[in-house]
Amino acid sequence: MLANLQPGHQDIWVNYHNDDRAPLLFLSGELDHLMPPKVQQSNARHYKSDTVTEVKVYPGRPHLMPASPGWEEVADHALSWALEHAIRQPDRTAGPAGAPPHEKL
């Protein structure tokens, strides 16, 4: 059965307008037939928030990029991108009265 019989938001619901979410990078291989670049681009377009959402397509790469020759290039780009887009967010845990909130990545 594919029908959803429970009304309301489910565990898999995504708030595409959430400005408080983390930056999102979709990685896609040009030769990926399971999640082709067009699907990844469509997924990215769903996100309507002001938070960064990007798609990076790797020419000549298959679906399973981490297990393919040259995976290091993909991993290096993903790490660099994540570090570039990391933002400090205040720690929401309560501290002493009047103390500034802690910051964490």
Protein backbone atom coordinates (compact mmCIF):
# COMPACT_ATOMS: atom_id res chain seq x y z
CA MET A 1 0.00 0.00 0.00
CA LEU A 2 1.39 3.37 -0.96
CA ALA A 3 -1.35 5.57 0.46
CA ASN A 4 -0.70 7.73 3.51
CA LEU A 5 -3.57 7.09 5.90
CA GLN A 6 -2.36 9.37 8.69
CA PRO A 7 -3.25 13.05 8.37
CA GLY A 8 -0.63 15.73 9.04
CA HIS A 9 3.15 15.86 8.80
CA GLN A 10 5.02 12.57 9.03
CA ASP A 11 8.61 11.78 10.05
CA ILE A 12 9.77 12.17 6.44
CA TRP A 13 8.20 15.62 5.97
CA VAL A 14 10.64 18.34 4.88
CA ASN A 15 10.16 22.04 5.57
CA TYR A 16 11.56 23.50 2.34
CA HIS A 17 11.17 27.06 3.70
CA ASN A 18 13.29 26.49 6.85
CA ASP A 19 15.81 29.35 7.03
CA ASP A 20 17.41 27.79 10.14
CA ARG A 21 18.61 24.63 8.40
CA ALA A 22 22.23 23.87 7.58
CA PRO A 23 23.61 24.64 4.10
CA LEU A 24 22.93 21.79 1.67
CA LEU A 25 25.16 20.45 -1.11
CA PHE A 26 23.88 17.89 -3.63
CA LEU A 27 26.69 15.92 -5.30
CA SER A 28 25.90 14.18 -8.56
CA GLY A 29 27.79 12.17 -11.15
CA GLU A 30 27.08 12.98 -14.78
CA LEU A 31 26.70 9.25 -15.56
CA ASP A 32 24.50 8.52 -12.53
CA HIS A 33 21.38 6.67 -13.72
CA LEU A 34 19.92 6.15 -10.22
CA MET A 35 19.91 9.84 -9.18
CA PRO A 36 20.77 11.72 -12.38
CA PRO A 37 21.88 15.37 -12.22
CA LYS A 38 18.42 16.48 -13.41
CA VAL A 39 16.85 14.79 -10.36
CA GLN A 40 19.40 16.39 -8.02
CA GLN A 41 18.75 19.80 -9.59
CA SER A 42 15.01 19.27 -9.17
CA ASN A 43 15.54 18.31 -5.51
CA ALA A 44 17.56 21.48 -4.92
CA ARG A 45 14.87 23.68 -6.51
CA HIS A 46 12.38 22.48 -3.87
CA TYR A 47 14.31 24.34 -1.17
CA LYS A 48 12.86 27.86 -0.99
CA SER A 49 14.70 29.10 2.11
CA ASP A 50 17.41 31.76 2.12
CA THR A 51 19.95 29.15 3.25
CA VAL A 52 22.58 27.99 0.74
CA THR A 53 21.54 25.08 -1.48
CA GLU A 54 23.87 24.05 -4.30
CA VAL A 55 24.34 21.23 -6.82
CA LYS A 56 27.78 20.07 -8.00
CA VAL A 57 27.87 17.72 -11.02
CA TYR A 58 31.03 15.73 -11.69
CA PRO A 59 31.56 15.03 -15.42
CA GLY A 60 32.10 11.37 -16.30
CA ARG A 61 31.34 10.12 -12.78
CA PRO A 62 28.89 7.31 -11.88
CA HIS A 63 26.41 7.05 -9.01
CA LEU A 64 28.83 5.44 -6.56
CA MET A 65 31.44 8.22 -6.60
CA PRO A 66 33.00 7.35 -3.20
CA ALA A 67 33.99 3.92 -4.54
CA SER A 68 35.25 5.16 -7.91
CA PRO A 69 38.75 6.20 -8.94
CA GLY A 70 39.31 9.86 -8.14
CA TRP A 71 36.94 9.83 -5.16
CA GLU A 72 39.43 12.05 -3.33
CA GLU A 73 38.53 15.01 -5.56
CA VAL A 74 34.86 14.65 -4.61
CA ALA A 75 35.67 14.27 -0.91
CA ASP A 76 38.05 17.27 -0.95
CA HIS A 77 35.42 19.45 -2.62
CA ALA A 78 32.69 18.38 -0.17
CA LEU A 79 34.93 19.08 2.82
CA SER A 80 36.06 22.46 1.47
CA TRP A 81 32.47 23.41 0.69
CA ALA A 82 31.28 22.39 4.16
CA LEU A 83 34.03 24.37 5.87
CA GLU A 84 33.35 27.40 3.67
CA HIS A 85 29.64 27.33 4.51
CA ALA A 86 29.94 26.43 8.20
CA ILE A 87 28.30 29.03 10.40
CA ARG A 88 28.57 29.55 14.12
CA GLN A 89 25.30 29.13 15.95
CA PRO A 90 24.64 30.08 19.57
CA ASP A 91 24.43 27.23 22.06
CA ARG A 92 20.84 27.18 23.27
CA THR A 93 21.77 25.69 26.67
CA ALA A 94 21.07 27.96 29.61
CA GLY A 95 24.08 29.60 31.25
CA PRO A 96 24.42 31.93 34.21
CA ALA A 97 21.99 34.87 34.15
CA GLY A 98 23.28 37.66 31.92
CA ALA A 99 26.07 35.50 30.46
CA PRO A 100 26.35 35.48 26.65
CA PRO A 101 25.41 32.20 24.96
CA HIS A 102 28.20 29.80 24.03
CA GLU A 103 29.02 29.41 20.36
CA LYS A 104 29.47 26.09 18.59
CA LEU A 105 29.85 24.91 15.02
